[in-house]
N, C-alpha and C. Protein backbone atom coordinates (compact mmCIF):
# COMPACT_ATOMS: atom_id res chain seq x y z
N MET A 1 268.85 148.82 156.72
CA MET A 1 267.43 148.97 156.52
C MET A 1 266.82 149.38 157.86
N SER A 2 265.99 150.45 157.84
CA SER A 2 265.40 150.92 159.09
C SER A 2 264.14 150.12 159.42
N GLU A 3 263.94 149.94 160.68
CA GLU A 3 262.80 149.19 161.16
C GLU A 3 261.61 150.12 161.28
N GLU A 4 260.49 149.77 160.68
CA GLU A 4 259.28 150.59 160.76
C GLU A 4 258.54 150.29 162.06
N ARG A 5 258.21 151.35 162.76
CA ARG A 5 257.47 151.20 164.02
C ARG A 5 255.99 151.02 163.74
N ILE A 6 255.38 150.20 164.55
CA ILE A 6 253.94 149.99 164.43
C ILE A 6 253.26 150.90 165.44
N ILE A 7 252.31 151.70 164.95
CA ILE A 7 251.54 152.60 165.79
C ILE A 7 250.16 151.98 165.98
N ARG A 8 249.88 151.57 167.18
CA ARG A 8 248.59 150.94 167.48
C ARG A 8 247.64 151.87 168.22
N SER A 9 248.21 152.92 168.81
CA SER A 9 247.44 153.83 169.64
C SER A 9 248.12 155.19 169.63
N PHE A 10 247.38 156.22 170.00
CA PHE A 10 248.00 157.53 170.13
C PHE A 10 249.13 157.50 171.15
N GLU A 11 249.09 156.56 172.08
CA GLU A 11 250.14 156.44 173.09
C GLU A 11 251.48 156.02 172.49
N ASP A 12 251.46 155.49 171.28
CA ASP A 12 252.70 155.10 170.58
C ASP A 12 253.36 156.26 169.84
N LEU A 13 252.64 157.36 169.69
CA LEU A 13 253.18 158.52 168.97
C LEU A 13 254.20 159.27 169.83
N ASP A 14 255.36 159.55 169.24
CA ASP A 14 256.39 160.29 169.98
C ASP A 14 255.89 161.67 170.39
N CYS A 15 255.08 162.31 169.54
CA CYS A 15 254.58 163.64 169.90
C CYS A 15 253.68 163.56 171.13
N TRP A 16 252.91 162.49 171.30
CA TRP A 16 252.08 162.35 172.49
C TRP A 16 252.95 162.07 173.72
N LYS A 17 253.98 161.25 173.55
CA LYS A 17 254.86 160.92 174.67
C LYS A 17 255.53 162.17 175.24
N VAL A 18 256.02 163.03 174.35
CA VAL A 18 256.67 164.26 174.82
C VAL A 18 255.63 165.22 175.39
N ALA A 19 254.45 165.28 174.80
CA ALA A 19 253.38 166.11 175.34
C ALA A 19 253.00 165.64 176.75
N ARG A 20 253.06 164.36 176.97
CA ARG A 20 252.79 163.82 178.31
C ARG A 20 253.88 164.29 179.29
N GLU A 21 255.13 164.33 178.82
CA GLU A 21 256.21 164.87 179.66
C GLU A 21 255.96 166.34 179.98
N VAL A 22 255.46 167.09 179.01
CA VAL A 22 255.12 168.50 179.24
C VAL A 22 254.06 168.59 180.33
N ARG A 23 253.04 167.76 180.23
CA ARG A 23 251.95 167.76 181.22
C ARG A 23 252.50 167.47 182.62
N GLU A 24 253.40 166.52 182.72
CA GLU A 24 254.00 166.19 184.03
C GLU A 24 254.89 167.34 184.52
N PHE A 25 255.64 167.95 183.64
CA PHE A 25 256.47 169.10 184.01
C PHE A 25 255.60 170.21 184.56
N VAL A 26 254.51 170.50 183.88
CA VAL A 26 253.58 171.55 184.33
C VAL A 26 252.99 171.19 185.69
N ARG A 27 252.66 169.94 185.87
CA ARG A 27 252.10 169.51 187.16
C ARG A 27 253.07 169.81 188.30
N GLN A 28 254.36 169.58 188.05
CA GLN A 28 255.37 169.87 189.07
C GLN A 28 255.50 171.37 189.32
N ILE A 29 255.43 172.16 188.26
CA ILE A 29 255.49 173.62 188.39
C ILE A 29 254.30 174.12 189.21
N VAL A 30 253.12 173.64 188.87
CA VAL A 30 251.90 174.08 189.55
C VAL A 30 251.95 173.75 191.04
N ARG A 31 252.51 172.61 191.37
CA ARG A 31 252.65 172.23 192.79
C ARG A 31 253.47 173.26 193.58
N GLY A 32 254.43 173.89 192.91
CA GLY A 32 255.31 174.84 193.58
C GLY A 32 254.81 176.28 193.58
N LEU A 33 253.67 176.52 192.93
CA LEU A 33 253.15 177.88 192.89
C LEU A 33 252.56 178.29 194.24
N PRO A 34 252.60 179.58 194.54
CA PRO A 34 251.93 180.06 195.76
C PRO A 34 250.44 179.73 195.71
N LYS A 35 249.84 179.55 196.86
CA LYS A 35 248.44 179.13 196.95
C LYS A 35 247.51 179.99 196.10
N GLU A 36 247.70 181.32 196.14
CA GLU A 36 246.80 182.20 195.39
C GLU A 36 246.94 182.05 193.88
N GLU A 37 248.07 181.52 193.40
CA GLU A 37 248.27 181.34 191.96
C GLU A 37 247.87 179.94 191.48
N LYS A 38 247.69 179.00 192.38
CA LYS A 38 247.33 177.64 191.97
C LYS A 38 245.98 177.62 191.26
N TYR A 39 245.10 178.53 191.63
CA TYR A 39 243.76 178.54 191.03
C TYR A 39 243.61 179.61 189.97
N ARG A 40 244.66 180.33 189.68
CA ARG A 40 244.65 181.31 188.60
C ARG A 40 245.59 180.82 187.51
N LEU A 41 246.84 181.15 187.60
CA LEU A 41 247.81 180.73 186.60
C LEU A 41 247.96 179.21 186.57
N GLY A 42 247.94 178.59 187.73
CA GLY A 42 248.08 177.13 187.80
C GLY A 42 246.98 176.40 187.05
N ASP A 43 245.75 176.91 187.19
CA ASP A 43 244.63 176.29 186.49
C ASP A 43 244.78 176.44 184.98
N GLN A 44 245.21 177.62 184.53
CA GLN A 44 245.41 177.84 183.09
C GLN A 44 246.52 176.94 182.54
N LEU A 45 247.60 176.82 183.28
CA LEU A 45 248.70 175.95 182.87
C LEU A 45 248.25 174.50 182.77
N THR A 46 247.51 174.07 183.78
CA THR A 46 247.03 172.68 183.81
C THR A 46 246.12 172.40 182.62
N ARG A 47 245.17 173.28 182.38
CA ARG A 47 244.23 173.09 181.27
C ARG A 47 244.96 173.06 179.92
N ALA A 48 245.88 174.00 179.73
CA ALA A 48 246.60 174.06 178.45
C ALA A 48 247.45 172.80 178.24
N SER A 49 248.13 172.35 179.29
CA SER A 49 248.98 171.16 179.13
C SER A 49 248.15 169.91 178.89
N ARG A 50 247.00 169.83 179.51
CA ARG A 50 246.11 168.68 179.28
C ARG A 50 245.52 168.73 177.88
N SER A 51 245.31 169.94 177.37
CA SER A 51 244.77 170.10 176.04
C SER A 51 245.71 169.55 174.97
N ILE A 52 247.00 169.64 175.22
CA ILE A 52 247.97 169.13 174.23
C ILE A 52 247.76 167.64 174.01
N THR A 53 247.82 166.86 175.08
CA THR A 53 247.67 165.41 174.93
C THR A 53 246.26 165.03 174.49
N ALA A 54 245.25 165.74 174.98
CA ALA A 54 243.87 165.43 174.60
C ALA A 54 243.64 165.67 173.11
N ASN A 55 244.17 166.75 172.57
CA ASN A 55 244.00 167.02 171.14
C ASN A 55 244.74 166.01 170.29
N ILE A 56 245.91 165.59 170.72
CA ILE A 56 246.64 164.56 169.98
C ILE A 56 245.82 163.26 169.98
N ALA A 57 245.29 162.89 171.13
CA ALA A 57 244.48 161.67 171.21
C ALA A 57 243.24 161.77 170.32
N GLU A 58 242.56 162.92 170.38
CA GLU A 58 241.36 163.09 169.57
C GLU A 58 241.69 163.10 168.09
N GLY A 59 242.77 163.78 167.73
CA GLY A 59 243.18 163.81 166.33
C GLY A 59 243.52 162.43 165.81
N TYR A 60 244.19 161.65 166.65
CA TYR A 60 244.55 160.27 166.26
C TYR A 60 243.29 159.46 165.97
N GLY A 61 242.24 159.73 166.74
CA GLY A 61 241.01 158.96 166.61
C GLY A 61 240.12 159.37 165.45
N ARG A 62 240.49 160.41 164.74
CA ARG A 62 239.68 160.85 163.60
C ARG A 62 239.94 159.98 162.38
N PHE A 63 238.95 159.90 161.52
CA PHE A 63 239.02 159.00 160.39
C PHE A 63 239.79 159.57 159.20
N HIS A 64 239.70 160.88 159.00
CA HIS A 64 240.33 161.49 157.83
C HIS A 64 241.59 162.25 158.22
N TYR A 65 242.59 162.21 157.36
CA TYR A 65 243.88 162.84 157.65
C TYR A 65 243.77 164.33 157.93
N LEU A 66 243.01 165.06 157.10
CA LEU A 66 242.91 166.51 157.31
C LEU A 66 242.13 166.84 158.58
N ASP A 67 241.14 166.03 158.89
CA ASP A 67 240.41 166.21 160.15
C ASP A 67 241.36 165.99 161.33
N SER A 68 242.18 164.97 161.22
CA SER A 68 243.18 164.70 162.27
C SER A 68 244.16 165.85 162.42
N SER A 69 244.62 166.40 161.29
CA SER A 69 245.63 167.45 161.37
C SER A 69 245.11 168.69 162.08
N LYS A 70 243.82 168.95 162.02
CA LYS A 70 243.23 170.10 162.73
C LYS A 70 243.47 169.96 164.23
N PHE A 71 243.32 168.77 164.77
CA PHE A 71 243.52 168.55 166.20
C PHE A 71 244.99 168.65 166.58
N PHE A 72 245.86 168.22 165.67
CA PHE A 72 247.29 168.36 165.94
C PHE A 72 247.68 169.84 165.90
N SER A 73 247.01 170.61 165.07
CA SER A 73 247.21 172.06 165.05
C SER A 73 246.75 172.68 166.37
N ASN A 74 245.62 172.22 166.89
CA ASN A 74 245.14 172.69 168.19
C ASN A 74 246.14 172.35 169.30
N ALA A 75 246.71 171.16 169.23
CA ALA A 75 247.70 170.75 170.23
C ALA A 75 248.92 171.66 170.17
N ARG A 76 249.33 172.02 168.97
CA ARG A 76 250.46 172.94 168.79
C ARG A 76 250.14 174.29 169.43
N GLY A 77 248.94 174.78 169.21
CA GLY A 77 248.53 176.04 169.82
C GLY A 77 248.55 175.97 171.34
N SER A 78 248.10 174.86 171.89
CA SER A 78 248.12 174.69 173.35
C SER A 78 249.54 174.62 173.88
N THR A 79 250.45 174.08 173.09
CA THR A 79 251.85 174.03 173.49
C THR A 79 252.41 175.44 173.64
N TYR A 80 252.10 176.28 172.67
CA TYR A 80 252.54 177.67 172.76
C TYR A 80 251.84 178.41 173.90
N GLU A 81 250.61 178.04 174.19
CA GLU A 81 249.90 178.64 175.33
C GLU A 81 250.62 178.31 176.64
N VAL A 82 251.05 177.06 176.78
CA VAL A 82 251.82 176.67 177.97
C VAL A 82 253.07 177.52 178.08
N LEU A 83 253.79 177.69 176.96
CA LEU A 83 254.99 178.51 176.99
C LEU A 83 254.68 179.92 177.46
N ASP A 84 253.63 180.51 176.94
CA ASP A 84 253.27 181.86 177.34
C ASP A 84 252.97 181.94 178.84
N HIS A 85 252.23 180.98 179.36
CA HIS A 85 251.92 180.98 180.79
C HIS A 85 253.20 180.82 181.63
N LEU A 86 254.13 180.03 181.15
CA LEU A 86 255.39 179.86 181.89
C LEU A 86 256.26 181.11 181.82
N ILE A 87 256.22 181.81 180.70
CA ILE A 87 256.92 183.09 180.61
C ILE A 87 256.30 184.07 181.61
N THR A 88 254.98 184.08 181.70
CA THR A 88 254.29 184.92 182.69
C THR A 88 254.74 184.55 184.10
N ALA A 89 254.82 183.26 184.37
CA ALA A 89 255.26 182.81 185.70
C ALA A 89 256.67 183.30 186.00
N ALA A 90 257.54 183.24 185.00
CA ALA A 90 258.91 183.73 185.19
C ALA A 90 258.92 185.24 185.38
N ASP A 91 258.15 185.96 184.56
CA ASP A 91 258.07 187.42 184.67
C ASP A 91 257.60 187.87 186.05
N GLU A 92 256.74 187.08 186.64
CA GLU A 92 256.18 187.43 187.95
C GLU A 92 256.97 186.82 189.11
N GLY A 93 258.11 186.21 188.79
CA GLY A 93 258.97 185.66 189.83
C GLY A 93 258.45 184.39 190.48
N LEU A 94 257.56 183.69 189.78
CA LEU A 94 256.97 182.47 190.33
C LEU A 94 257.78 181.22 190.01
N ILE A 95 258.56 181.29 188.92
CA ILE A 95 259.50 180.22 188.58
C ILE A 95 260.83 180.87 188.21
N ASP A 96 261.90 180.13 188.34
CA ASP A 96 263.21 180.71 188.01
C ASP A 96 263.55 180.50 186.54
N SER A 97 264.60 181.17 186.09
CA SER A 97 264.99 181.12 184.68
C SER A 97 265.42 179.71 184.27
N LYS A 98 265.95 178.94 185.20
CA LYS A 98 266.37 177.56 184.89
C LYS A 98 265.13 176.71 184.53
N ALA A 99 264.06 176.87 185.29
CA ALA A 99 262.83 176.12 185.01
C ALA A 99 262.24 176.55 183.66
N LEU A 100 262.29 177.85 183.38
CA LEU A 100 261.77 178.33 182.10
C LEU A 100 262.59 177.78 180.94
N GLU A 101 263.90 177.74 181.07
CA GLU A 101 264.74 177.20 179.99
C GLU A 101 264.50 175.70 179.81
N GLN A 102 264.32 175.00 180.89
CA GLN A 102 264.01 173.57 180.81
C GLN A 102 262.68 173.38 180.07
N ALA A 103 261.71 174.22 180.42
CA ALA A 103 260.41 174.15 179.76
C ALA A 103 260.53 174.46 178.27
N ARG A 104 261.31 175.48 177.94
CA ARG A 104 261.49 175.84 176.53
C ARG A 104 262.03 174.67 175.72
N ARG A 105 263.01 173.97 176.25
CA ARG A 105 263.59 172.82 175.54
C ARG A 105 262.55 171.71 175.35
N LEU A 106 261.80 171.43 176.39
CA LEU A 106 260.78 170.39 176.33
C LEU A 106 259.67 170.77 175.35
N LEU A 107 259.23 172.01 175.42
CA LEU A 107 258.17 172.49 174.54
C LEU A 107 258.63 172.53 173.08
N GLU A 108 259.88 172.91 172.86
CA GLU A 108 260.43 172.91 171.50
C GLU A 108 260.42 171.50 170.92
N SER A 109 260.78 170.54 171.72
CA SER A 109 260.76 169.15 171.27
C SER A 109 259.33 168.71 170.95
N ALA A 110 258.38 169.09 171.80
CA ALA A 110 256.97 168.74 171.57
C ALA A 110 256.48 169.35 170.27
N ILE A 111 256.83 170.60 170.02
CA ILE A 111 256.39 171.28 168.80
C ILE A 111 257.01 170.64 167.56
N LYS A 112 258.29 170.32 167.60
CA LYS A 112 258.95 169.69 166.45
C LYS A 112 258.31 168.34 166.11
N LEU A 113 258.05 167.55 167.13
CA LEU A 113 257.43 166.24 166.89
C LEU A 113 256.01 166.39 166.38
N ASN A 114 255.28 167.33 166.93
CA ASN A 114 253.91 167.59 166.48
C ASN A 114 253.93 168.06 165.02
N ASN A 115 254.83 168.99 164.70
CA ASN A 115 254.94 169.48 163.32
C ASN A 115 255.25 168.33 162.35
N GLY A 116 256.14 167.44 162.77
CA GLY A 116 256.49 166.31 161.92
C GLY A 116 255.31 165.40 161.66
N TYR A 117 254.53 165.12 162.68
CA TYR A 117 253.38 164.24 162.50
C TYR A 117 252.30 164.94 161.68
N THR A 118 252.13 166.24 161.88
CA THR A 118 251.16 167.01 161.09
C THR A 118 251.55 166.99 159.61
N LYS A 119 252.84 167.14 159.34
CA LYS A 119 253.32 167.08 157.96
C LYS A 119 253.02 165.71 157.35
N TYR A 120 253.26 164.66 158.13
CA TYR A 120 252.95 163.29 157.68
C TYR A 120 251.46 163.17 157.33
N LEU A 121 250.59 163.70 158.20
CA LEU A 121 249.15 163.61 157.96
C LEU A 121 248.76 164.34 156.67
N LYS A 122 249.33 165.52 156.47
CA LYS A 122 249.00 166.29 155.27
C LYS A 122 249.52 165.61 154.01
N THR A 123 250.68 164.98 154.10
CA THR A 123 251.22 164.22 152.97
C THR A 123 250.33 163.04 152.65
N ARG A 124 249.88 162.36 153.68
CA ARG A 124 248.98 161.21 153.48
C ARG A 124 247.65 161.67 152.87
N ALA A 125 247.16 162.82 153.30
CA ALA A 125 245.90 163.35 152.76
C ALA A 125 246.04 163.63 151.27
N LYS A 126 247.18 164.20 150.87
CA LYS A 126 247.41 164.50 149.45
C LYS A 126 247.49 163.23 148.62
N SER A 127 248.19 162.22 149.18
CA SER A 127 248.33 160.98 148.41
C SER A 127 247.05 160.17 148.37
N ALA A 128 246.16 160.40 149.33
CA ALA A 128 244.89 159.67 149.35
C ALA A 128 243.86 160.27 148.40
N SER A 129 244.09 161.52 148.01
CA SER A 129 243.08 162.16 147.12
C SER A 129 243.40 162.02 145.66
């Protein structure tokens, strides 16, 4: 018999935990960017990575399942935005291919967990109506 986890806060959600890892990964990347890119690409990366966790938190705080799922969809979009910015960084020689591959794995995990929770929310919305 599997043990059911109790979710008391958005901080208990696996999708938020991995999104937080993404945010920390991005913070480390931004630290290593050349000075002139810290306020251009670095700022965009920082904002997008923060948007992931912020949207998950806001979605968790919504009262209705479908309203919540909209924010999880926004978080998914921000996850892909981070990937695009990191591809740009690699294309411009600002990060190496190893860092980009590490990011891809982390972002893929974040997207899968987000998709799973979004599916759960939509299923709950259907059963509630």
